């Protein structure tokens, strides 16, 4: 579950295990940190954020830091496959 604050800014990924261990702490204080990218981030930038954060998902945020969407490793792989296919077709 992606936790957002009142301004729709992503705060953390929270799992059922985090909820069980919260012990009354605010949800903003539990969970996993995020890899975030801007909407104009390149595939390379996004993949680097994912690798640096050791997650297979990056959260897209706008200039104000508000949630815009999620990019996962499957999306990155599909984009790379599409670019390769387009490249091969141009070489024909």
Protein backbone atom coordinates (compact mmCIF):
# COMPACT_ATOMS: atom_id res chain seq x y z
CA UNK A 1 0.00 0.00 0.00
CA UNK A 2 1.41 3.40 -0.96
CA UNK A 3 0.93 5.93 1.83
CA UNK A 4 0.21 9.53 0.79
CA UNK A 5 0.08 12.56 3.08
CA UNK A 6 -2.69 15.19 3.07
CA UNK A 7 -1.04 16.96 0.10
CA UNK A 8 -0.99 13.67 -1.90
CA UNK A 9 2.79 13.34 -1.49
CA UNK A 10 4.02 9.74 -1.30
CA UNK A 11 5.54 8.85 2.08
CA UNK A 12 6.23 5.11 2.14
CA UNK A 13 5.23 1.65 1.02
CA UNK A 14 3.38 -0.10 3.84
CA UNK A 15 2.81 -3.84 3.97
CA UNK A 16 0.54 -5.89 6.22
CA UNK A 17 3.64 -6.75 8.26
CA UNK A 18 4.37 -3.05 8.82
CA UNK A 19 0.79 -2.54 10.00
CA UNK A 20 1.08 -5.44 12.45
CA UNK A 21 4.32 -4.01 13.87
CA UNK A 22 3.20 -0.36 13.98
CA UNK A 23 2.40 -0.56 17.71
CA UNK A 24 0.37 2.65 17.62
CA UNK A 25 2.94 4.64 15.64
CA UNK A 26 1.56 6.88 12.87
CA UNK A 27 1.55 5.16 9.48
CA UNK A 28 3.81 7.95 8.19
CA UNK A 29 6.51 6.55 10.50
CA UNK A 30 6.39 2.96 9.24
CA UNK A 31 7.03 1.26 5.93
CA UNK A 32 9.68 1.22 3.24
CA UNK A 33 11.28 4.33 1.72
CA UNK A 34 10.43 5.28 -1.85
CA UNK A 35 12.24 5.65 -5.13
CA UNK A 36 10.73 8.75 -6.76
CA UNK A 37 11.06 10.21 -10.25
CA UNK A 38 9.72 13.21 -12.13
CA UNK A 39 7.25 12.73 -14.99
CA UNK A 40 9.96 13.65 -17.52
CA UNK A 41 12.49 11.16 -16.12
CA UNK A 42 14.16 8.94 -18.69
CA UNK A 43 13.98 5.16 -18.58
CA UNK A 44 17.61 5.17 -17.50
CA UNK A 45 16.97 7.64 -14.66
CA UNK A 46 13.98 5.64 -13.49
CA UNK A 47 15.85 2.35 -13.59
CA UNK A 48 18.76 3.91 -11.69
CA UNK A 49 16.40 5.13 -8.96
CA UNK A 50 14.90 1.67 -8.69
CA UNK A 51 18.31 0.04 -8.45
CA UNK A 52 19.64 2.57 -5.94
CA UNK A 53 16.60 2.15 -3.71
CA UNK A 54 16.63 -1.64 -4.26
CA UNK A 55 12.94 -1.69 -5.26
CA UNK A 56 11.32 -2.73 -8.50
CA UNK A 57 8.95 0.23 -8.42
CA UNK A 58 9.37 4.00 -8.67
CA UNK A 59 6.73 6.55 -7.73
CA UNK A 60 6.21 9.41 -10.18
CA UNK A 61 5.79 12.79 -8.47
CA UNK A 62 5.09 16.26 -9.86
CA UNK A 63 7.00 19.47 -9.09
CA UNK A 64 5.16 19.80 -5.77
CA UNK A 65 6.02 16.21 -4.87
CA UNK A 66 2.42 15.02 -5.31
CA UNK A 67 1.63 11.51 -6.48
CA UNK A 68 1.37 11.10 -10.23
CA UNK A 69 1.63 7.36 -10.74
CA UNK A 70 3.84 4.30 -10.44
CA UNK A 71 6.37 2.76 -12.81
CA UNK A 72 7.43 -0.80 -12.19
CA UNK A 73 10.18 -2.93 -13.65
CA UNK A 74 7.73 -4.65 -16.00
CA UNK A 75 6.87 -1.26 -17.51
CA UNK A 76 10.57 -0.51 -18.01
CA UNK A 77 11.12 -3.92 -19.64
CA UNK A 78 8.14 -3.45 -21.97
CA UNK A 79 9.43 -0.03 -23.03
CA UNK A 80 12.89 -1.43 -23.76
CA UNK A 81 11.42 -4.32 -25.76
CA UNK A 82 9.33 -1.83 -27.73
CA UNK A 83 12.37 0.32 -28.47
CA UNK A 84 14.35 -2.72 -29.60
CA UNK A 85 11.54 -3.87 -31.89
CA UNK A 86 11.23 -0.39 -33.41
CA UNK A 87 15.00 -0.27 -33.90
CA UNK A 88 15.05 -3.65 -35.66
CA UNK A 89 12.18 -2.61 -37.95
CA UNK A 90 14.01 0.58 -38.95
CA UNK A 91 17.08 -1.48 -39.93
CA UNK A 92 15.08 -3.62 -42.35
